[in-house]
């Protein structure tokens, strides 16, 4: 949608304005892609590099997945204790 908006806004303008609009879209796209690629790399490391696989690292995996959406304070203060308590009980039962 952002690319379509950039093209539509400069469709009646000159080619230079169209080029500038597309350049602005690409700059924003790389900022968003960097955030997503960092999340992907972190989750890959948690799941495969740290050892133990999903059974050992599921808490870290879930917390890393929600940290960007909820923020560090909410994730650490509210979500983390619930996640660790749930999986503690789950591992005791299972």
Foldseek 3Di string as FASTA:
>chain_A
DQLVVLCVVCVVPDVVSSVVSVVVVVVVVVVVVVVVVVLVVVLCCQAPVVDDHCLVRVLVNVLSVCCVVPHDCCSVPPVSVVSVVVSVVVVVVD
